[in-house]
C-alpha atoms as a PDB file:
ATOM      1  CA  MET A   1      70.368  32.390 -49.199  1.00  0.00           C
ATOM      2  CA  ALA A   2      70.416  33.592 -53.106  1.00  0.00           C
ATOM      3  CA  GLY A   3      66.588  34.575 -52.630  1.00  0.00           C
ATOM      4  CA  ILE A   4      65.875  30.924 -52.350  1.00  0.00           C
ATOM      5  CA  ASP A   5      62.958  30.641 -49.984  1.00  0.00           C
ATOM      6  CA  TYR A   6      61.999  27.321 -50.110  1.00  0.00           C
ATOM      7  CA  LEU A   7      63.819  24.150 -51.585  1.00  0.00           C
ATOM      8  CA  ILE A   8      62.226  21.337 -53.237  1.00  0.00           C
ATOM      9  CA  PRO A   9      64.782  18.465 -53.495  1.00  0.00           C
ATOM     10  CA  ILE A  10      63.822  15.191 -55.502  1.00  0.00           C
ATOM     11  CA  GLY A  11      65.508  12.148 -55.260  1.00  0.00           C
ATOM     12  CA  GLY A  12      66.843   9.286 -53.360  1.00  0.00           C
ATOM     13  CA  ASP A  13      68.347   8.330 -49.825  1.00  0.00           C
ATOM     14  CA  ASP A  14      71.708  10.148 -50.710  1.00  0.00           C
ATOM     15  CA  THR A  15      70.085  13.109 -51.918  1.00  0.00           C
ATOM     16  CA  LEU A  16      67.342  13.559 -49.401  1.00  0.00           C
ATOM     17  CA  SER A  17      69.616  12.360 -46.729  1.00  0.00           C
ATOM     18  CA  PHE A  18      71.778  15.565 -47.745  1.00  0.00           C
ATOM     19  CA  ALA A  19      68.513  17.713 -47.775  1.00  0.00           C
ATOM     20  CA  THR A  20      67.839  16.858 -43.820  1.00  0.00           C
ATOM     21  CA  ARG A  21      70.990  18.324 -43.369  1.00  0.00           C
ATOM     22  CA  LEU A  22      70.134  21.237 -45.275  1.00  0.00           C
ATOM     23  CA  SER A  23      66.635  21.518 -43.145  1.00  0.00           C
ATOM     24  CA  LYS A  24      68.855  21.198 -39.951  1.00  0.00           C
ATOM     25  CA  GLU A  25      70.615  23.956 -40.993  1.00  0.00           C
ATOM     26  CA  GLY A  26      67.844  26.209 -41.014  1.00  0.00           C
ATOM     27  CA  VAL A  27      67.114  26.011 -45.084  1.00  0.00           C
ATOM     28  CA  LYS A  28      63.412  25.408 -46.066  1.00  0.00           C
ATOM     29  CA  ILE A  29      62.782  22.047 -47.527  1.00  0.00           C
ATOM     30  CA  VAL A  30      59.896  19.963 -48.772  1.00  0.00           C
ATOM     31  CA  ALA A  31      61.216  16.746 -49.717  1.00  0.00           C
ATOM     32  CA  ILE A  32      59.937  14.127 -52.601  1.00  0.00           C
ATOM     33  CA  PRO A  33      61.247  10.308 -52.797  1.00  0.00           C
ATOM     34  CA  LYS A  34      62.193   9.469 -56.362  1.00  0.00           C
ATOM     35  CA  THR A  35      63.989   6.541 -56.954  1.00  0.00           C
ATOM     36  CA  MET A  36      63.624   2.903 -58.902  1.00  0.00           C
ATOM     37  CA  ASP A  37      65.141   1.469 -56.230  1.00  0.00           C
ATOM     38  CA  ASN A  38      62.325   2.214 -53.896  1.00  0.00           C
ATOM     39  CA  ASP A  39      64.202   2.385 -50.874  1.00  0.00           C
ATOM     40  CA  VAL A  40      63.730   5.553 -49.347  1.00  0.00           C
ATOM     41  CA  PRO A  41      62.594   5.253 -45.809  1.00  0.00           C
ATOM     42  CA  GLY A  42      59.142   6.756 -44.792  1.00  0.00           C
ATOM     43  CA  THR A  43      57.384   5.996 -47.248  1.00  0.00           C
ATOM     44  CA  ASP A  44      55.971   3.092 -49.476  1.00  0.00           C
ATOM     45  CA  TYR A  45      56.752   4.140 -53.223  1.00  0.00           C
ATOM     46  CA  CYS A  46      58.992   6.330 -54.643  1.00  0.00           C
ATOM     47  CA  ILE A  47      58.881   7.891 -58.152  1.00  0.00           C
ATOM     48  CA  GLY A  48      60.125   5.630 -60.704  1.00  0.00           C
ATOM     49  CA  PHE A  49      59.932   2.061 -59.260  1.00  0.00           C
ATOM     50  CA  SER A  50      56.429   1.453 -61.140  1.00  0.00           C
ATOM     51  CA  THR A  51      58.418   2.278 -64.800  1.00  0.00           C
ATOM     52  CA  CYS A  52      61.487   0.179 -64.023  1.00  0.00           C
ATOM     53  CA  VAL A  53      59.706  -2.578 -62.617  1.00  0.00           C
ATOM     54  CA  SER A  54      57.640  -2.589 -65.975  1.00  0.00           C
ATOM     55  CA  ARG A  55      60.606  -1.982 -68.087  1.00  0.00           C
ATOM     56  CA  ARG A  56      61.894  -5.321 -66.488  1.00  0.00           C
ATOM     57  CA  LEU A  57      58.797  -7.250 -67.141  1.00  0.00           C
ATOM     58  CA  ASN A  58      59.573  -6.439 -70.791  1.00  0.00           C
ATOM     59  CA  VAL A  59      62.214  -8.528 -71.348  1.00  0.00           C
ATOM     60  CA  ASP A  60      60.832 -10.870 -74.317  1.00  0.00           C
ATOM     61  CA  ARG A  61      63.500 -10.563 -77.107  1.00  0.00           C
ATOM     62  CA  LEU A  62      66.037 -11.982 -73.849  1.00  0.00           C
ATOM     63  CA  ARG A  63      63.930 -14.594 -72.974  1.00  0.00           C
ATOM     64  CA  THR A  64      63.261 -15.689 -76.737  1.00  0.00           C
ATOM     65  CA  SER A  65      67.284 -16.034 -77.469  1.00  0.00           C
ATOM     66  CA  ALA A  66      67.157 -18.391 -74.119  1.00  0.00           C
ATOM     67  CA  GLY A  67      64.528 -20.393 -74.718  1.00  0.00           C
ATOM     68  CA  SER A  68      65.660 -21.045 -78.548  1.00  0.00           C
ATOM     69  CA  HIS A  69      69.414 -21.871 -77.532  1.00  0.00           C
ATOM     70  CA  GLU A  70      68.073 -23.454 -74.248  1.00  0.00           C
ATOM     71  CA  ARG A  71      70.342 -21.555 -72.055  1.00  0.00           C
ATOM     72  CA  PHE A  72      69.964 -19.931 -68.549  1.00  0.00           C
ATOM     73  CA  LEU A  73      68.993 -16.052 -68.558  1.00  0.00           C
ATOM     74  CA  VAL A  74      70.857 -13.809 -65.621  1.00  0.00           C
ATOM     75  CA  MET A  75      69.623 -10.387 -65.508  1.00  0.00           C
ATOM     76  CA  GLU A  76      71.267  -7.920 -62.620  1.00  0.00           C
ATOM     77  CA  VAL A  77      69.385  -4.729 -61.735  1.00  0.00           C
ATOM     78  CA  PHE A  78      70.083  -1.738 -59.851  1.00  0.00           C
ATOM     79  CA  GLY A  79      69.942  -2.647 -55.942  1.00  0.00           C
ATOM     80  CA  ARG A  80      72.454  -1.628 -53.462  1.00  0.00           C
ATOM     81  CA  TYR A  81      70.951  -2.393 -50.177  1.00  0.00           C
ATOM     82  CA  ALA A  82      67.142  -3.376 -51.186  1.00  0.00           C
ATOM     83  CA  GLY A  83      66.171  -6.207 -53.819  1.00  0.00           C
ATOM     84  CA  PHE A  84      62.851  -4.110 -54.051  1.00  0.00           C
ATOM     85  CA  THR A  85      63.588  -4.232 -57.852  1.00  0.00           C
ATOM     86  CA  ALA A  86      64.617  -7.869 -58.263  1.00  0.00           C
ATOM     87  CA  MET A  87      61.569  -8.890 -56.116  1.00  0.00           C
ATOM     88  CA  LEU A  88      58.668  -7.170 -58.093  1.00  0.00           C
ATOM     89  CA  PRO A  89      59.621  -8.356 -61.315  1.00  0.00           C
ATOM     90  CA  THR A  90      59.947 -12.141 -60.049  1.00  0.00           C
ATOM     91  CA  MET A  91      56.650 -12.033 -58.540  1.00  0.00           C
ATOM     92  CA  ALA A  92      54.993 -11.017 -61.492  1.00  0.00           C
ATOM     93  CA  GLY A  93      56.943 -13.292 -63.856  1.00  0.00           C
ATOM     94  CA  ALA A  94      59.769 -12.163 -64.926  1.00  0.00           C
ATOM     95  CA  ALA A  95      61.723 -14.420 -63.392  1.00  0.00           C
ATOM     96  CA  ASN A  96      62.053 -18.273 -61.601  1.00  0.00           C
ATOM     97  CA  ARG A  97      64.277 -16.855 -59.115  1.00  0.00           C
ATOM     98  CA  CYS A  98      65.961 -13.585 -57.717  1.00  0.00           C
ATOM     99  CA  VAL A  99      68.788 -13.147 -55.219  1.00  0.00           C
ATOM    100  CA  ILE A 100      68.739 -10.134 -53.460  1.00  0.00           C
ATOM    101  CA  PRO A 101      71.028  -7.924 -51.323  1.00  0.00           C
ATOM    102  CA  GLU A 102      69.470  -8.779 -47.942  1.00  0.00           C
ATOM    103  CA  TYR A 103      70.217 -12.687 -47.971  1.00  0.00           C
ATOM    104  CA  LYS A 104      73.240 -14.122 -49.032  1.00  0.00           C
ATOM    105  CA  PHE A 105      72.758 -16.955 -50.722  1.00  0.00           C
ATOM    106  CA  ASP A 106      73.988 -20.440 -51.687  1.00  0.00           C
ATOM    107  CA  MET A 107      75.380 -20.818 -54.984  1.00  0.00           C
ATOM    108  CA  GLU A 108      74.514 -24.737 -55.685  1.00  0.00           C
ATOM    109  CA  HIS A 109      70.937 -24.310 -54.064  1.00  0.00           C
ATOM    110  CA  LEU A 110      70.631 -21.486 -56.948  1.00  0.00           C
ATOM    111  CA  THR A 111      72.102 -23.939 -59.625  1.00  0.00           C
ATOM    112  CA  GLU A 112      70.288 -26.736 -58.436  1.00  0.00           C
ATOM    113  CA  LEU A 113      66.708 -24.567 -58.588  1.00  0.00           C
ATOM    114  CA  LEU A 114      67.295 -23.344 -61.843  1.00  0.00           C
ATOM    115  CA  CYS A 115      68.002 -26.479 -63.625  1.00  0.00           C
ATOM    116  CA  TYR A 116      65.011 -27.793 -62.167  1.00  0.00           C
ATOM    117  CA  ASP A 117      63.159 -24.767 -63.586  1.00  0.00           C
ATOM    118  CA  ARG A 118      64.999 -25.081 -66.847  1.00  0.00           C
ATOM    119  CA  ALA A 119      64.633 -29.460 -67.216  1.00  0.00           C
ATOM    120  CA  HIS A 120      60.554 -28.630 -66.399  1.00  0.00           C
ATOM    121  CA  HIS A 121      59.880 -25.652 -68.888  1.00  0.00           C
ATOM    122  CA  PRO A 122      58.950 -26.582 -72.482  1.00  0.00           C
ATOM    123  CA  SER A 123      61.046 -24.344 -74.090  1.00  0.00           C
ATOM    124  CA  LYS A 124      64.277 -25.686 -71.739  1.00  0.00           C
ATOM    125  CA  TYR A 125      65.119 -22.009 -70.449  1.00  0.00           C
ATOM    126  CA  SER A 126      65.271 -20.472 -66.764  1.00  0.00           C
ATOM    127  CA  VAL A 127      65.864 -17.159 -65.379  1.00  0.00           C
ATOM    128  CA  VAL A 128      67.441 -15.599 -62.466  1.00  0.00           C
ATOM    129  CA  ILE A 129      67.369 -11.765 -61.424  1.00  0.00           C
ATOM    130  CA  VAL A 130      70.386 -10.684 -59.927  1.00  0.00           C
ATOM    131  CA  SER A 131      70.432  -7.504 -57.581  1.00  0.00           C
ATOM    132  CA  GLU A 132      73.997  -5.616 -58.287  1.00  0.00           C
ATOM    133  CA  GLY A 133      73.998  -5.859 -54.122  1.00  0.00           C
ATOM    134  CA  ALA A 134      73.332  -9.634 -53.469  1.00  0.00           C
ATOM    135  CA  MET A 135      76.133 -11.556 -52.027  1.00  0.00           C
ATOM    136  CA  PHE A 136      77.255 -15.499 -51.892  1.00  0.00           C
ATOM    137  CA  GLU A 137      77.762 -17.128 -48.753  1.00  0.00           C
ATOM    138  CA  GLY A 138      80.923 -16.024 -47.416  1.00  0.00           C
ATOM    139  CA  GLY A 139      81.062 -13.300 -50.193  1.00  0.00           C
ATOM    140  CA  GLU A 140      81.097  -9.565 -50.329  1.00  0.00           C
ATOM    141  CA  MET A 141      79.748  -7.103 -52.417  1.00  0.00           C
ATOM    142  CA  VAL A 142      81.312  -6.885 -56.044  1.00  0.00           C
ATOM    143  CA  PHE A 143      82.549  -3.530 -57.339  1.00  0.00           C
ATOM    144  CA  SER A 144      82.659  -2.772 -60.977  1.00  0.00           C
ATOM    145  CA  ASP A 145      85.721  -0.791 -60.407  1.00  0.00           C
ATOM    146  CA  ARG A 146      87.205   1.713 -57.638  1.00  0.00           C
ATOM    147  CA  THR A 147      85.543   5.093 -58.539  1.00  0.00           C
ATOM    148  CA  THR A 148      82.895   6.222 -56.557  1.00  0.00           C
ATOM    149  CA  ASP A 149      79.587   8.419 -57.590  1.00  0.00           C
ATOM    150  CA  ALA A 150      78.572  11.595 -56.411  1.00  0.00           C
ATOM    151  CA  PHE A 151      78.466  10.367 -52.465  1.00  0.00           C
ATOM    152  CA  GLY A 152      81.508   8.429 -52.119  1.00  0.00           C
ATOM    153  CA  HIS A 153      79.911   5.158 -52.976  1.00  0.00           C
ATOM    154  CA  LEU A 154      81.854   2.445 -54.751  1.00  0.00           C
ATOM    155  CA  LYS A 155      80.202   1.637 -57.969  1.00  0.00           C
ATOM    156  CA  LEU A 156      78.801  -1.730 -57.869  1.00  0.00           C
ATOM    157  CA  GLY A 157      78.517  -4.399 -61.133  1.00  0.00           C
ATOM    158  CA  GLY A 158      79.725  -7.638 -62.104  1.00  0.00           C
ATOM    159  CA  ILE A 159      77.635  -9.880 -59.418  1.00  0.00           C
ATOM    160  CA  GLY A 160      75.577 -10.890 -62.559  1.00  0.00           C
ATOM    161  CA  ASP A 161      79.089 -12.035 -64.381  1.00  0.00           C
ATOM    162  CA  LEU A 162      79.961 -14.271 -61.400  1.00  0.00           C
ATOM    163  CA  VAL A 163      76.731 -16.066 -60.826  1.00  0.00           C
ATOM    164  CA  SER A 164      76.826 -16.322 -65.140  1.00  0.00           C
ATOM    165  CA  ALA A 165      80.502 -18.424 -64.610  1.00  0.00           C
ATOM    166  CA  GLU A 166      78.922 -20.188 -61.646  1.00  0.00           C
ATOM    167  CA  LEU A 167      76.243 -21.613 -63.120  1.00  0.00           C
ATOM    168  CA  LYS A 168      77.724 -22.979 -66.477  1.00  0.00           C
ATOM    169  CA  ASP A 169      80.678 -24.797 -64.370  1.00  0.00           C
ATOM    170  CA  ARG A 170      77.972 -25.956 -61.574  1.00  0.00           C
ATOM    171  CA  SER A 171      74.877 -27.138 -63.982  1.00  0.00           C
ATOM    172  CA  ALA A 172      76.398 -30.267 -65.276  1.00  0.00           C
ATOM    173  CA  LYS A 173      75.880 -31.846 -62.118  1.00  0.00           C
ATOM    174  CA  TYR A 174      72.499 -31.773 -62.511  1.00  0.00           C
ATOM    175  CA  ASN A 175      72.031 -31.498 -66.111  1.00  0.00           C
ATOM    176  CA  LYS A 176      73.746 -35.542 -67.127  1.00  0.00           C
ATOM    177  CA  GLY A 177      77.369 -34.135 -67.197  1.00  0.00           C
ATOM    178  CA  LYS A 178      76.570 -31.866 -69.681  1.00  0.00           C
ATOM    179  CA  PRO A 179      77.491 -27.833 -68.559  1.00  0.00           C
ATOM    180  CA  ILE A 180      74.420 -25.306 -69.619  1.00  0.00           C
ATOM    181  CA  GLN A 181      75.301 -22.000 -71.017  1.00  0.00           C
ATOM    182  CA  THR A 182      74.060 -18.254 -70.060  1.00  0.00           C
ATOM    183  CA  ILE A 183      73.060 -15.517 -71.683  1.00  0.00           C
ATOM    184  CA  ASN A 184      73.721 -12.431 -69.260  1.00  0.00           C
ATOM    185  CA  GLN A 185      72.576  -9.378 -69.370  1.00  0.00           C
ATOM    186  CA  ARG A 186      72.892  -5.918 -67.088  1.00  0.00           C
ATOM    187  CA  LEU A 187      70.096  -4.366 -67.229  1.00  0.00           C
ATOM    188  CA  GLY A 188      71.267  -1.193 -65.574  1.00  0.00           C
ATOM    189  CA  TYR A 189      70.630   2.155 -67.706  1.00  0.00           C
ATOM    190  CA  MET A 190      68.253   0.132 -70.146  1.00  0.00           C
ATOM    191  CA  VAL A 191      65.436   0.517 -67.592  1.00  0.00           C
ATOM    192  CA  ARG A 192      66.316   4.074 -66.210  1.00  0.00           C
ATOM    193  CA  GLY A 193      65.699   6.199 -69.992  1.00  0.00           C
ATOM    194  CA  GLY A 194      62.686   6.723 -71.606  1.00  0.00           C
ATOM    195  CA  ASP A 195      58.992   7.666 -71.058  1.00  0.00           C
ATOM    196  CA  PRO A 196      57.436   7.137 -67.655  1.00  0.00           C
ATOM    197  CA  ASP A 197      54.585   4.033 -67.277  1.00  0.00           C
ATOM    198  CA  ALA A 198      50.886   5.198 -65.817  1.00  0.00           C
ATOM    199  CA  ILE A 199      52.106   5.247 -62.394  1.00  0.00           C
ATOM    200  CA  ASP A 200      54.829   7.226 -62.925  1.00  0.00           C
ATOM    201  CA  SER A 201      53.036   9.941 -64.309  1.00  0.00           C
ATOM    202  CA  ILE A 202      49.995   9.815 -61.732  1.00  0.00           C
ATOM    203  CA  VAL A 203      52.399  10.114 -58.903  1.00  0.00           C
ATOM    204  CA  PRO A 204      54.605  12.916 -59.761  1.00  0.00           C
ATOM    205  CA  MET A 205      51.544  14.958 -60.166  1.00  0.00           C
ATOM    206  CA  ALA A 206      50.437  14.160 -56.588  1.00  0.00           C
ATOM    207  CA  TYR A 207      53.439  14.134 -54.914  1.00  0.00           C
ATOM    208  CA  GLY A 208      53.889  17.786 -56.435  1.00  0.00           C
ATOM    209  CA  ASN A 209      50.267  19.117 -55.598  1.00  0.00           C
ATOM    210  CA  LEU A 210      51.174  17.696 -51.782  1.00  0.00           C
ATOM    211  CA  ALA A 211      54.443  19.926 -51.618  1.00  0.00           C
ATOM    212  CA  LEU A 212      52.946  22.957 -53.126  1.00  0.00           C
ATOM    213  CA  ASP A 213      50.166  22.432 -50.208  1.00  0.00           C
ATOM    214  CA  LEU A 214      52.436  22.243 -47.635  1.00  0.00           C
ATOM    215  CA  ILE A 215      54.258  25.343 -49.059  1.00  0.00           C
ATOM    216  CA  LEU A 216      51.605  27.267 -49.223  1.00  0.00           C
ATOM    217  CA  HIS A 217      50.422  26.209 -46.107  1.00  0.00           C
ATOM    218  CA  GLY A 218      53.588  27.793 -44.595  1.00  0.00           C
ATOM    219  CA  HIS A 219      55.412  23.763 -43.412  1.00  0.00           C
ATOM    220  CA  HIS A 220      58.518  22.948 -44.409  1.00  0.00           C
ATOM    221  CA  GLY A 221      61.432  20.370 -43.428  1.00  0.00           C
ATOM    222  CA  ARG A 222      58.755  17.828 -44.675  1.00  0.00           C
ATOM    223  CA  LEU A 223      58.822  14.428 -46.491  1.00  0.00           C
ATOM    224  CA  VAL A 224      55.824  13.706 -49.076  1.00  0.00           C
ATOM    225  CA  VAL A 225      54.943   9.987 -48.572  1.00  0.00           C
ATOM    226  CA  LEU A 226      52.451   7.304 -49.697  1.00  0.00           C
ATOM    227  CA  LYS A 227      52.362   4.949 -46.587  1.00  0.00           C
ATOM    228  CA  ASN A 228      49.695   2.296 -45.612  1.00  0.00           C
ATOM    229  CA  GLY A 229      47.984   3.295 -49.039  1.00  0.00           C
ATOM    230  CA  ARG A 230      47.106   6.846 -48.439  1.00  0.00           C
ATOM    231  CA  TYR A 231      49.403  10.039 -49.789  1.00  0.00           C
ATOM    232  CA  ASP A 232      50.473  11.798 -46.429  1.00  0.00           C
ATOM    233  CA  ASN A 233      53.639  13.836 -45.025  1.00  0.00           C
ATOM    234  CA  MET A 234      56.033  13.334 -42.193  1.00  0.00           C
ATOM    235  CA  PRO A 235      59.258  14.729 -40.770  1.00  0.00           C
ATOM    236  CA  ILE A 236      62.306  14.312 -43.404  1.00  0.00           C
ATOM    237  CA  GLU A 237      64.452  13.136 -40.614  1.00  0.00           C
ATOM    238  CA  ALA A 238      62.573   9.669 -41.213  1.00  0.00           C
ATOM    239  CA  VAL A 239      64.790   9.749 -44.252  1.00  0.00           C
ATOM    240  CA  THR A 240      67.833   9.254 -41.720  1.00  0.00           C
ATOM    241  CA  SER A 241      66.308   7.567 -39.198  1.00  0.00           C
ATOM    242  CA  SER A 242      66.270   3.831 -40.325  1.00  0.00           C
ATOM    243  CA  LYS A 243      66.529   1.803 -43.588  1.00  0.00           C
ATOM    244  CA  LYS A 244      64.047   0.212 -45.699  1.00  0.00           C
ATOM    245  CA  THR A 245      64.935  -3.133 -47.061  1.00  0.00           C
ATOM    246  CA  VAL A 246      62.920  -6.116 -47.667  1.00  0.00           C
ATOM    247  CA  ASN A 247      61.967  -8.266 -44.877  1.00  0.00           C
ATOM    248  CA  VAL A 248      63.110 -11.387 -45.753  1.00  0.00           C
ATOM    249  CA  ASP A 249      61.681 -13.166 -42.955  1.00  0.00           C
ATOM    250  CA  ARG A 250      58.292 -11.832 -43.679  1.00  0.00           C
ATOM    251  CA  TYR A 251      58.550 -11.356 -48.045  1.00  0.00           C
ATOM    252  CA  TYR A 252      61.652 -13.690 -49.309  1.00  0.00           C
ATOM    253  CA  ASN A 253      61.142 -17.510 -49.306  1.00  0.00           C
ATOM    254  CA  LYS A 254      64.830 -18.530 -48.700  1.00  0.00           C
ATOM    255  CA  GLU A 255      64.302 -21.812 -49.776  1.00  0.00           C
ATOM    256  CA  ARG A 256      63.035 -21.388 -52.917  1.00  0.00           C
ATOM    257  CA  LEU A 257      65.211 -17.809 -53.914  1.00  0.00           C
ATOM    258  CA  ARG A 258      61.832 -16.111 -54.672  1.00  0.00           C
ATOM    259  CA  PRO A 259      59.275 -13.874 -53.195  1.00  0.00           C
ATOM    260  CA  LEU A 260      56.896 -15.370 -50.860  1.00  0.00           C
ATOM    261  CA  TYR A 261      53.296 -15.362 -52.103  1.00  0.00           C
ATOM    262  CA  THR A 262      51.411 -16.452 -48.807  1.00  0.00           C
ATOM    263  CA  ASP A 263      51.375 -13.139 -47.057  1.00  0.00           C
ATOM    264  CA  SER A 264      48.696 -11.170 -48.727  1.00  0.00           C
ATOM    265  CA  LYS A 265      51.075  -8.021 -47.028  1.00  0.00           C
ATOM    266  CA  CYS A 266      52.896  -8.465 -50.080  1.00  0.00           C
ATOM    267  CA  SER A 267      50.861  -6.129 -51.545  1.00  0.00           C
ATOM    268  CA  ARG A 268      51.960  -2.966 -50.041  1.00  0.00           C
ATOM    269  CA  TYR A 269      54.390  -3.183 -52.810  1.00  0.00           C
ATOM    270  CA  SER A 270      51.707  -3.415 -55.444  1.00  0.00           C
ATOM    271  CA  SER A 271      51.717  -0.149 -57.857  1.00  0.00           C
ATOM    272  CA  TRP A 272      48.179  -0.780 -58.531  1.00  0.00           C
ATOM    273  CA  ARG A 273      47.688   0.458 -54.367  1.00  0.00           C
ATOM    274  CA  VAL A 274      49.365   3.494 -55.773  1.00  0.00           C
ATOM    275  CA  ILE A 275      46.790   4.694 -58.425  1.00  0.00           C
ATOM    276  CA  ARG A 276      43.680   3.443 -56.437  1.00  0.00           C
ATOM    277  CA  ARG A 277      44.577   5.844 -53.527  1.00  0.00           C
ATOM    278  CA  THR A 278      45.559   8.760 -55.503  1.00  0.00           C
ATOM    279  CA  PHE A 279      42.312  10.478 -55.995  1.00  0.00           C
ATOM    280  CA  ARG A 280      42.020  11.007 -52.038  1.00  0.00           C
ATOM    281  CA  CYS A 281      45.586  12.450 -51.511  1.00  0.00           C
ATOM    282  CA  ARG A 282      44.140  16.158 -51.155  1.00  0.00           C
ATOM    283  CA  ASP A 283      41.936  14.795 -48.339  1.00  0.00           C
ATOM    284  CA  SER A 284      44.565  12.739 -46.249  1.00  0.00           C
ATOM    285  CA  LEU A 285      47.115  15.907 -45.711  1.00  0.00           C
ATOM    286  CA  LYS A 286      48.466  15.781 -42.138  1.00  0.00           C
ATOM    287  CA  HIS A 287      50.885  18.748 -40.544  1.00  0.00           C
END
């Protein structure tokens, strides 16, 4: 095939699903997971996730505006089917609440919670992070238009606009009859450009070295992964054998619309675990 001995596809579930097909058709594949949504099955970490979370923590300019005008701040983020990119920034303090694709939320309940948060904040504002794939109770995904991406998916976008409008309309009930204005921002591509953070400078080096080791040893049809705190690899079919989403019952507080902090296993999504385990990667190589 064009003189190519091996392919090392780097990407998310769509790219790697196609790589799985190529592998089944005889192409020698060693794949590397890279998507800021962190939703590739088989691995706990995908390149880009830490940088994405770090960028969403750096929203001081938006928070300043929300505080100075005593408003709600609504930030829409990427995440079609998985809410990791909304959960982790909220866990780190970037927002009071988050709504994710895995759980259809009650808009009235969200409004009440955000009004409570705003009333108890010294600067009289509150923040919610909204995954682009999040849905109201009784509603469906919101699409920006009818165009599709390279893999045929309709392009999402606009749930943040709806949440913002609903918050303004409903908030008077919890604010002595006076509606609360909103600041609405789609972060989207703002968090995709620029330099990677430290985690996303280290992990690609580890993944790349593991992929090269596999090739040098004649192995293919594999996916390089970080699983349970250790670098490893597994059959590439793992990409298409399941879906990776937030376990709502275990990690998401449906009453408070934010991450659960009572389960220590939430630490499995911590970037610090990634950097602590990086230097073991060569010892954990299994075929």
